[in-house]
């Protein structure tokens, strides 16, 4: 049975009222407010049932609170707020493997501080192949970003950050930058729903595009980080919302980062 057929069978099951299935809200919030059979293993790992979540999705579609988009059901902002995905990593910025790839910058052309560059090479140096190093590196960056310890940060769209700046290492002349990056993490949590939903509206799945350049302008009064789009994109990659991602191919975005045309 195709994944689309499986989705139809599951969603066709008897469904309780939407208000009776709030148990699924927490799972959906950290999974892009999006459900499809491809997530069933994660649903079970969360202690939930795919049949129950599929029934919840069917009710939402019928009530207009969600949209069926190919194999996926995307829940509306009125019933589900997209939160930061839950990303963890076994690595820390202070690990020896990362030290050679951290630049302490004092060049006036950039904001002073400590920046991680060539992070994929750092993970290749411990013996991982390119694809595994890329995956572990993306996961590490996403975990640091969500924890408020790292950001692709600049307060000006005209000044490209030197790399992902970390605020937890000693000996970095970062001044007020540390507090700004902590604040940026909080801003990202508040604006992540906006980023994902703008991406869904702007991009057609199959085109390989995610995000929306209009996002930076749309949120410029809500954050000092003019490059928040980069942090948000890293989180969606670590969350698995880009299918078939490798070191050479960043994969194809899937809902909720894009919409499938009929």
C-alpha atoms as a PDB file:
ATOM      1  CA  UNK A   1       0.000   0.000   0.000  1.00  0.00           C
ATOM      2  CA  UNK A   2       1.338   3.448  -0.858  1.00  0.00           C
ATOM      3  CA  UNK A   3       2.011   5.946   1.910  1.00  0.00           C
ATOM      4  CA  UNK A   4      -0.865   8.055   0.531  1.00  0.00           C
ATOM      5  CA  UNK A   5      -3.160   5.035   0.648  1.00  0.00           C
ATOM      6  CA  UNK A   6      -2.068   4.241   4.179  1.00  0.00           C
ATOM      7  CA  UNK A   7      -2.797   7.794   5.212  1.00  0.00           C
ATOM      8  CA  UNK A   8      -6.275   7.565   3.691  1.00  0.00           C
ATOM      9  CA  UNK A   9      -7.009   4.332   5.556  1.00  0.00           C
ATOM     10  CA  UNK A  10      -5.827   5.738   8.882  1.00  0.00           C
ATOM     11  CA  UNK A  11      -7.493   9.092   8.515  1.00  0.00           C
ATOM     12  CA  UNK A  12     -10.684   7.358   7.430  1.00  0.00           C
ATOM     13  CA  UNK A  13     -11.032   5.745  10.848  1.00  0.00           C
ATOM     14  CA  UNK A  14     -13.659   6.914  13.312  1.00  0.00           C
ATOM     15  CA  UNK A  15     -12.473  10.136  14.919  1.00  0.00           C
ATOM     16  CA  UNK A  16     -13.269  11.819  18.225  1.00  0.00           C
ATOM     17  CA  UNK A  17     -13.940  15.517  18.551  1.00  0.00           C
ATOM     18  CA  UNK A  18     -10.868  17.698  18.023  1.00  0.00           C
ATOM     19  CA  UNK A  19     -11.068  18.973  21.605  1.00  0.00           C
ATOM     20  CA  UNK A  20     -10.843  15.399  22.923  1.00  0.00           C
ATOM     21  CA  UNK A  21      -7.434  14.744  21.412  1.00  0.00           C
ATOM     22  CA  UNK A  22      -5.290  17.511  22.913  1.00  0.00           C
ATOM     23  CA  UNK A  23      -2.883  14.743  23.980  1.00  0.00           C
ATOM     24  CA  UNK A  24      -1.460  14.956  20.448  1.00  0.00           C
ATOM     25  CA  UNK A  25      -0.841  18.695  20.536  1.00  0.00           C
ATOM     26  CA  UNK A  26       2.565  18.495  22.212  1.00  0.00           C
ATOM     27  CA  UNK A  27       3.840  16.027  19.618  1.00  0.00           C
ATOM     28  CA  UNK A  28       2.515  18.085  16.721  1.00  0.00           C
ATOM     29  CA  UNK A  29       3.938  21.361  18.028  1.00  0.00           C
ATOM     30  CA  UNK A  30       7.526  20.087  17.854  1.00  0.00           C
ATOM     31  CA  UNK A  31       6.938  18.326  14.513  1.00  0.00           C
ATOM     32  CA  UNK A  32       5.882  21.349  12.501  1.00  0.00           C
ATOM     33  CA  UNK A  33       2.173  20.917  13.309  1.00  0.00           C
ATOM     34  CA  UNK A  34       2.296  18.332  10.526  1.00  0.00           C
ATOM     35  CA  UNK A  35       1.414  14.640  10.451  1.00  0.00           C
ATOM     36  CA  UNK A  36       1.915  11.857   7.907  1.00  0.00           C
ATOM     37  CA  UNK A  37       2.373   8.069   8.151  1.00  0.00           C
ATOM     38  CA  UNK A  38       6.130   8.551   7.710  1.00  0.00           C
ATOM     39  CA  UNK A  39       6.165   9.838  11.301  1.00  0.00           C
ATOM     40  CA  UNK A  40       4.453   6.795  12.806  1.00  0.00           C
ATOM     41  CA  UNK A  41       7.638   5.428  14.390  1.00  0.00           C
ATOM     42  CA  UNK A  42       8.182   8.786  16.117  1.00  0.00           C
ATOM     43  CA  UNK A  43       4.523   8.863  17.174  1.00  0.00           C
ATOM     44  CA  UNK A  44       4.901   5.455  18.851  1.00  0.00           C
ATOM     45  CA  UNK A  45       8.199   6.493  20.456  1.00  0.00           C
ATOM     46  CA  UNK A  46       6.314   9.392  22.048  1.00  0.00           C
ATOM     47  CA  UNK A  47       3.886   6.910  23.619  1.00  0.00           C
ATOM     48  CA  UNK A  48       1.039   7.776  21.252  1.00  0.00           C
ATOM     49  CA  UNK A  49      -0.823   5.757  18.602  1.00  0.00           C
ATOM     50  CA  UNK A  50      -0.678   6.530  14.875  1.00  0.00           C
ATOM     51  CA  UNK A  51      -4.346   5.533  14.626  1.00  0.00           C
ATOM     52  CA  UNK A  52      -5.322   8.110  17.215  1.00  0.00           C
ATOM     53  CA  UNK A  53      -3.269  10.877  15.666  1.00  0.00           C
ATOM     54  CA  UNK A  54      -4.590  10.024  12.198  1.00  0.00           C
ATOM     55  CA  UNK A  55      -8.129  10.234  13.560  1.00  0.00           C
ATOM     56  CA  UNK A  56      -7.298  13.599  15.115  1.00  0.00           C
ATOM     57  CA  UNK A  57      -5.947  14.755  11.741  1.00  0.00           C
ATOM     58  CA  UNK A  58      -9.112  13.619   9.938  1.00  0.00           C
ATOM     59  CA  UNK A  59     -11.295  15.603  12.328  1.00  0.00           C
ATOM     60  CA  UNK A  60      -9.110  18.684  11.865  1.00  0.00           C
ATOM     61  CA  UNK A  61      -9.300  18.445   8.067  1.00  0.00           C
ATOM     62  CA  UNK A  62     -13.075  18.022   8.185  1.00  0.00           C
ATOM     63  CA  UNK A  63     -13.485  21.027  10.463  1.00  0.00           C
ATOM     64  CA  UNK A  64     -11.194  23.235   8.399  1.00  0.00           C
ATOM     65  CA  UNK A  65      -8.558  23.344  11.129  1.00  0.00           C
ATOM     66  CA  UNK A  66      -6.019  21.474   8.975  1.00  0.00           C
ATOM     67  CA  UNK A  67      -5.178  20.959   5.321  1.00  0.00           C
ATOM     68  CA  UNK A  68      -4.555  17.654   3.570  1.00  0.00           C
ATOM     69  CA  UNK A  69      -1.449  18.200   1.452  1.00  0.00           C
ATOM     70  CA  UNK A  70      -0.355  15.053  -0.346  1.00  0.00           C
ATOM     71  CA  UNK A  71       0.553  12.456   2.279  1.00  0.00           C
ATOM     72  CA  UNK A  72       0.692  15.146   4.960  1.00  0.00           C
ATOM     73  CA  UNK A  73      -1.853  16.931   7.135  1.00  0.00           C
ATOM     74  CA  UNK A  74      -0.784  20.461   8.068  1.00  0.00           C
ATOM     75  CA  UNK A  75      -2.599  21.927  11.075  1.00  0.00           C
ATOM     76  CA  UNK A  76      -3.666  25.553  11.083  1.00  0.00           C
ATOM     77  CA  UNK A  77      -2.092  28.115  13.399  1.00  0.00           C
ATOM     78  CA  UNK A  78      -5.471  28.507  15.098  1.00  0.00           C
ATOM     79  CA  UNK A  79      -5.150  25.015  16.633  1.00  0.00           C
ATOM     80  CA  UNK A  80      -1.394  24.364  16.665  1.00  0.00           C
ATOM     81  CA  UNK A  81       1.634  26.584  17.263  1.00  0.00           C
ATOM     82  CA  UNK A  82       4.880  25.343  15.700  1.00  0.00           C
ATOM     83  CA  UNK A  83       7.564  25.198  18.386  1.00  0.00           C
ATOM     84  CA  UNK A  84      11.291  24.548  18.124  1.00  0.00           C
ATOM     85  CA  UNK A  85      12.014  20.878  17.373  1.00  0.00           C
ATOM     86  CA  UNK A  86      13.585  18.903  20.204  1.00  0.00           C
ATOM     87  CA  UNK A  87      17.202  18.400  19.115  1.00  0.00           C
ATOM     88  CA  UNK A  88      19.982  16.904  21.228  1.00  0.00           C
ATOM     89  CA  UNK A  89      23.634  16.185  20.450  1.00  0.00           C
ATOM     90  CA  UNK A  90      26.331  14.128  22.198  1.00  0.00           C
ATOM     91  CA  UNK A  91      28.846  16.874  21.398  1.00  0.00           C
ATOM     92  CA  UNK A  92      29.595  20.144  23.198  1.00  0.00           C
ATOM     93  CA  UNK A  93      31.331  23.257  21.910  1.00  0.00           C
ATOM     94  CA  UNK A  94      34.168  22.771  24.420  1.00  0.00           C
ATOM     95  CA  UNK A  95      35.009  19.296  23.050  1.00  0.00           C
ATOM     96  CA  UNK A  96      38.594  18.994  21.828  1.00  0.00           C
ATOM     97  CA  UNK A  97      37.480  17.912  18.366  1.00  0.00           C
ATOM     98  CA  UNK A  98      35.947  21.342  17.745  1.00  0.00           C
ATOM     99  CA  UNK A  99      38.778  23.487  19.119  1.00  0.00           C
ATOM    100  CA  UNK A 100      40.826  23.699  15.876  1.00  0.00           C
ATOM    101  CA  UNK A 101      37.796  25.043  14.009  1.00  0.00           C
ATOM    102  CA  UNK A 102      36.949  27.891  16.369  1.00  0.00           C
ATOM    103  CA  UNK A 103      38.206  31.305  15.284  1.00  0.00           C
ATOM    104  CA  UNK A 104      38.626  34.119  17.811  1.00  0.00           C
ATOM    105  CA  UNK A 105      37.853  37.170  15.717  1.00  0.00           C
ATOM    106  CA  UNK A 106      38.884  40.744  16.428  1.00  0.00           C
ATOM    107  CA  UNK A 107      38.718  42.000  12.815  1.00  0.00           C
ATOM    108  CA  UNK A 108      36.696  45.250  12.856  1.00  0.00           C
ATOM    109  CA  UNK A 109      34.889  44.094   9.708  1.00  0.00           C
ATOM    110  CA  UNK A 110      33.095  41.509  11.870  1.00  0.00           C
ATOM    111  CA  UNK A 111      31.625  41.415  15.345  1.00  0.00           C
ATOM    112  CA  UNK A 112      34.306  40.330  17.794  1.00  0.00           C
ATOM    113  CA  UNK A 113      33.875  36.901  19.331  1.00  0.00           C
ATOM    114  CA  UNK A 114      34.376  33.168  18.842  1.00  0.00           C
ATOM    115  CA  UNK A 115      33.081  31.566  15.665  1.00  0.00           C
ATOM    116  CA  UNK A 116      32.809  27.947  14.598  1.00  0.00           C
ATOM    117  CA  UNK A 117      33.734  27.456  10.934  1.00  0.00           C
ATOM    118  CA  UNK A 118      34.316  24.380   8.770  1.00  0.00           C
ATOM    119  CA  UNK A 119      32.269  22.426  11.279  1.00  0.00           C
ATOM    120  CA  UNK A 120      31.801  19.462   8.935  1.00  0.00           C
ATOM    121  CA  UNK A 121      35.574  18.987   8.819  1.00  0.00           C
ATOM    122  CA  UNK A 122      35.609  18.853  12.618  1.00  0.00           C
ATOM    123  CA  UNK A 123      33.348  15.818  12.623  1.00  0.00           C
ATOM    124  CA  UNK A 124      35.168  14.183   9.716  1.00  0.00           C
ATOM    125  CA  UNK A 125      38.341  14.494  11.803  1.00  0.00           C
ATOM    126  CA  UNK A 126      36.970  12.014  14.345  1.00  0.00           C
ATOM    127  CA  UNK A 127      36.582   9.388  11.628  1.00  0.00           C
ATOM    128  CA  UNK A 128      33.043   9.965  10.353  1.00  0.00           C
ATOM    129  CA  UNK A 129      32.353   9.808   6.639  1.00  0.00           C
ATOM    130  CA  UNK A 130      31.166  12.993   4.951  1.00  0.00           C
ATOM    131  CA  UNK A 131      27.441  12.244   5.254  1.00  0.00           C
ATOM    132  CA  UNK A 132      27.628  11.233   8.915  1.00  0.00           C
ATOM    133  CA  UNK A 133      29.827  14.248   9.708  1.00  0.00           C
ATOM    134  CA  UNK A 134      27.342  16.554   8.039  1.00  0.00           C
ATOM    135  CA  UNK A 135      24.384  15.020   9.889  1.00  0.00           C
ATOM    136  CA  UNK A 136      26.138  15.148  13.263  1.00  0.00           C
ATOM    137  CA  UNK A 137      27.294  18.706  12.606  1.00  0.00           C
ATOM    138  CA  UNK A 138      23.811  19.916  11.721  1.00  0.00           C
ATOM    139  CA  UNK A 139      22.426  18.209  14.834  1.00  0.00           C
ATOM    140  CA  UNK A 140      25.118  19.808  17.003  1.00  0.00           C
ATOM    141  CA  UNK A 141      24.518  23.306  15.637  1.00  0.00           C
ATOM    142  CA  UNK A 142      20.754  22.962  16.052  1.00  0.00           C
ATOM    143  CA  UNK A 143      21.128  21.814  19.653  1.00  0.00           C
ATOM    144  CA  UNK A 144      23.401  24.767  20.452  1.00  0.00           C
ATOM    145  CA  UNK A 145      21.040  27.215  18.745  1.00  0.00           C
ATOM    146  CA  UNK A 146      17.968  25.987  20.609  1.00  0.00           C
ATOM    147  CA  UNK A 147      19.918  26.146  23.894  1.00  0.00           C
ATOM    148  CA  UNK A 148      20.798  29.796  23.239  1.00  0.00           C
ATOM    149  CA  UNK A 149      24.551  29.157  23.131  1.00  0.00           C
ATOM    150  CA  UNK A 150      25.185  29.771  19.431  1.00  0.00           C
ATOM    151  CA  UNK A 151      23.749  31.763  16.544  1.00  0.00           C
ATOM    152  CA  UNK A 152      24.406  32.955  13.031  1.00  0.00           C
ATOM    153  CA  UNK A 153      24.041  36.455  14.404  1.00  0.00           C
ATOM    154  CA  UNK A 154      24.396  39.991  13.163  1.00  0.00           C
ATOM    155  CA  UNK A 155      22.252  43.009  13.869  1.00  0.00           C
ATOM    156  CA  UNK A 156      22.700  44.225  10.292  1.00  0.00           C
ATOM    157  CA  UNK A 157      21.619  42.502   7.052  1.00  0.00           C
ATOM    158  CA  UNK A 158      24.592  44.209   5.392  1.00  0.00           C
ATOM    159  CA  UNK A 159      27.141  42.487   7.643  1.00  0.00           C
ATOM    160  CA  UNK A 160      27.437  38.737   7.040  1.00  0.00           C
ATOM    161  CA  UNK A 161      28.435  36.826  10.196  1.00  0.00           C
ATOM    162  CA  UNK A 162      31.882  35.240  10.155  1.00  0.00           C
ATOM    163  CA  UNK A 163      30.267  31.941  11.116  1.00  0.00           C
ATOM    164  CA  UNK A 164      28.132  30.513  13.901  1.00  0.00           C
ATOM    165  CA  UNK A 165      29.104  32.514  16.984  1.00  0.00           C
ATOM    166  CA  UNK A 166      29.350  30.769  20.338  1.00  0.00           C
ATOM    167  CA  UNK A 167      29.041  32.546  23.668  1.00  0.00           C
ATOM    168  CA  UNK A 168      30.154  29.835  26.106  1.00  0.00           C
ATOM    169  CA  UNK A 169      33.917  29.793  25.551  1.00  0.00           C
ATOM    170  CA  UNK A 170      36.313  31.854  27.657  1.00  0.00           C
ATOM    171  CA  UNK A 171      38.681  34.345  26.108  1.00  0.00           C
ATOM    172  CA  UNK A 172      36.210  35.767  23.585  1.00  0.00           C
ATOM    173  CA  UNK A 173      35.852  39.512  23.286  1.00  0.00           C
ATOM    174  CA  UNK A 174      32.098  39.423  22.787  1.00  0.00           C
ATOM    175  CA  UNK A 175      30.856  42.105  25.175  1.00  0.00           C
ATOM    176  CA  UNK A 176      27.115  42.595  24.834  1.00  0.00           C
ATOM    177  CA  UNK A 177      27.032  40.031  22.039  1.00  0.00           C
ATOM    178  CA  UNK A 178      26.422  37.196  24.492  1.00  0.00           C
ATOM    179  CA  UNK A 179      23.230  38.756  25.785  1.00  0.00           C
ATOM    180  CA  UNK A 180      22.137  39.554  22.231  1.00  0.00           C
ATOM    181  CA  UNK A 181      22.578  35.933  21.170  1.00  0.00           C
ATOM    182  CA  UNK A 182      20.656  34.683  24.202  1.00  0.00           C
ATOM    183  CA  UNK A 183      17.877  37.098  23.315  1.00  0.00           C
ATOM    184  CA  UNK A 184      17.972  35.941  19.690  1.00  0.00           C
ATOM    185  CA  UNK A 185      17.314  32.370  20.827  1.00  0.00           C
ATOM    186  CA  UNK A 186      14.193  33.536  22.632  1.00  0.00           C
ATOM    187  CA  UNK A 187      13.120  35.511  19.587  1.00  0.00           C
ATOM    188  CA  UNK A 188      13.589  32.438  17.405  1.00  0.00           C
ATOM    189  CA  UNK A 189      11.319  30.411  19.667  1.00  0.00           C
ATOM    190  CA  UNK A 190       8.635  33.075  19.316  1.00  0.00           C
ATOM    191  CA  UNK A 191       9.030  33.510  15.551  1.00  0.00           C
ATOM    192  CA  UNK A 192       9.631  29.922  14.465  1.00  0.00           C
ATOM    193  CA  UNK A 193       5.943  29.355  13.658  1.00  0.00           C
ATOM    194  CA  UNK A 194       6.046  32.413  11.411  1.00  0.00           C
ATOM    195  CA  UNK A 195       9.174  31.158   9.631  1.00  0.00           C
ATOM    196  CA  UNK A 196       7.764  27.689   8.933  1.00  0.00           C
ATOM    197  CA  UNK A 197       4.343  28.872   7.817  1.00  0.00           C
ATOM    198  CA  UNK A 198       5.839  31.496   5.504  1.00  0.00           C
ATOM    199  CA  UNK A 199       8.036  28.756   4.024  1.00  0.00           C
ATOM    200  CA  UNK A 200       4.996  26.490   3.515  1.00  0.00           C
ATOM    201  CA  UNK A 201       3.128  29.231   1.655  1.00  0.00           C
ATOM    202  CA  UNK A 202       6.088  30.355  -0.462  1.00  0.00           C
ATOM    203  CA  UNK A 203       7.596  27.076  -1.661  1.00  0.00           C
ATOM    204  CA  UNK A 204       6.408  24.205  -3.825  1.00  0.00           C
ATOM    205  CA  UNK A 205       7.766  20.814  -2.772  1.00  0.00           C
ATOM    206  CA  UNK A 206      10.100  19.430  -5.417  1.00  0.00           C
ATOM    207  CA  UNK A 207      11.691  22.790  -6.129  1.00  0.00           C
ATOM    208  CA  UNK A 208      14.226  22.209  -3.358  1.00  0.00           C
ATOM    209  CA  UNK A 209      13.528  25.553  -1.705  1.00  0.00           C
ATOM    210  CA  UNK A 210      12.758  26.253   1.943  1.00  0.00           C
ATOM    211  CA  UNK A 211      12.373  29.411   3.943  1.00  0.00           C
ATOM    212  CA  UNK A 212      11.299  32.755   2.551  1.00  0.00           C
ATOM    213  CA  UNK A 213      13.593  35.730   2.142  1.00  0.00           C
ATOM    214  CA  UNK A 214      10.635  37.934   3.083  1.00  0.00           C
ATOM    215  CA  UNK A 215      10.824  36.462   6.591  1.00  0.00           C
ATOM    216  CA  UNK A 216      13.736  38.695   7.631  1.00  0.00           C
ATOM    217  CA  UNK A 217      11.837  41.832   6.672  1.00  0.00           C
ATOM    218  CA  UNK A 218       8.603  40.565   8.219  1.00  0.00           C
ATOM    219  CA  UNK A 219      10.199  40.063  11.654  1.00  0.00           C
ATOM    220  CA  UNK A 220      12.738  42.905  11.676  1.00  0.00           C
ATOM    221  CA  UNK A 221      10.811  44.727  14.405  1.00  0.00           C
ATOM    222  CA  UNK A 222      10.640  41.566  16.552  1.00  0.00           C
ATOM    223  CA  UNK A 223      14.332  40.641  16.731  1.00  0.00           C
ATOM    224  CA  UNK A 224      17.773  42.223  16.516  1.00  0.00           C
ATOM    225  CA  UNK A 225      19.141  39.233  14.578  1.00  0.00           C
ATOM    226  CA  UNK A 226      18.987  40.116  10.898  1.00  0.00           C
ATOM    227  CA  UNK A 227      20.150  36.585  10.005  1.00  0.00           C
ATOM    228  CA  UNK A 228      17.679  34.555  12.059  1.00  0.00           C
ATOM    229  CA  UNK A 229      16.606  32.803   8.865  1.00  0.00           C
ATOM    230  CA  UNK A 230      19.886  30.846   8.935  1.00  0.00           C
ATOM    231  CA  UNK A 231      19.319  29.610  12.488  1.00  0.00           C
ATOM    232  CA  UNK A 232      15.759  28.584  11.638  1.00  0.00           C
ATOM    233  CA  UNK A 233      16.868  26.702   8.528  1.00  0.00           C
ATOM    234  CA  UNK A 234      19.469  24.765  10.524  1.00  0.00           C
ATOM    235  CA  UNK A 235      16.766  23.617  12.943  1.00  0.00           C
ATOM    236  CA  UNK A 236      14.524  22.363  10.144  1.00  0.00           C
ATOM    237  CA  UNK A 237      17.414  20.385   8.666  1.00  0.00           C
ATOM    238  CA  UNK A 238      18.205  18.776  12.024  1.00  0.00           C
ATOM    239  CA  UNK A 239      14.506  17.990  12.534  1.00  0.00           C
ATOM    240  CA  UNK A 240      14.446  15.831   9.389  1.00  0.00           C
ATOM    241  CA  UNK A 241      12.182  18.113   7.369  1.00  0.00           C
ATOM    242  CA  UNK A 242      14.596  17.872   4.417  1.00  0.00           C
ATOM    243  CA  UNK A 243      14.342  14.344   3.009  1.00  0.00           C
ATOM    244  CA  UNK A 244      17.366  12.594   1.501  1.00  0.00           C
ATOM    245  CA  UNK A 245      19.842  15.052   2.997  1.00  0.00           C
ATOM    246  CA  UNK A 246      23.540  14.263   2.484  1.00  0.00           C
ATOM    247  CA  UNK A 247      26.790  16.202   2.655  1.00  0.00           C
ATOM    248  CA  UNK A 248      26.513  17.024  -1.050  1.00  0.00           C
ATOM    249  CA  UNK A 249      22.747  17.307  -1.320  1.00  0.00           C
ATOM    250  CA  UNK A 250      20.736  19.241   1.236  1.00  0.00           C
ATOM    251  CA  UNK A 251      17.699  17.112   0.398  1.00  0.00           C
ATOM    252  CA  UNK A 252      14.181  18.002  -0.631  1.00  0.00           C
ATOM    253  CA  UNK A 253      12.062  19.937   1.846  1.00  0.00           C
ATOM    254  CA  UNK A 254       8.688  18.410   2.716  1.00  0.00           C
ATOM    255  CA  UNK A 255       5.648  19.844   4.478  1.00  0.00           C
ATOM    256  CA  UNK A 256       5.535  21.980   6.562  1.00  0.00           C
ATOM    257  CA  UNK A 257       8.407  23.695   4.727  1.00  0.00           C
ATOM    258  CA  UNK A 258       6.668  23.535   1.365  1.00  0.00           C
ATOM    259  CA  UNK A 259       3.298  22.659  -0.141  1.00  0.00           C
ATOM    260  CA  UNK A 260       2.550  19.881  -2.598  1.00  0.00           C
ATOM    261  CA  UNK A 261       0.644  20.983  -5.676  1.00  0.00           C
ATOM    262  CA  UNK A 262      -2.230  18.768  -6.893  1.00  0.00           C
END
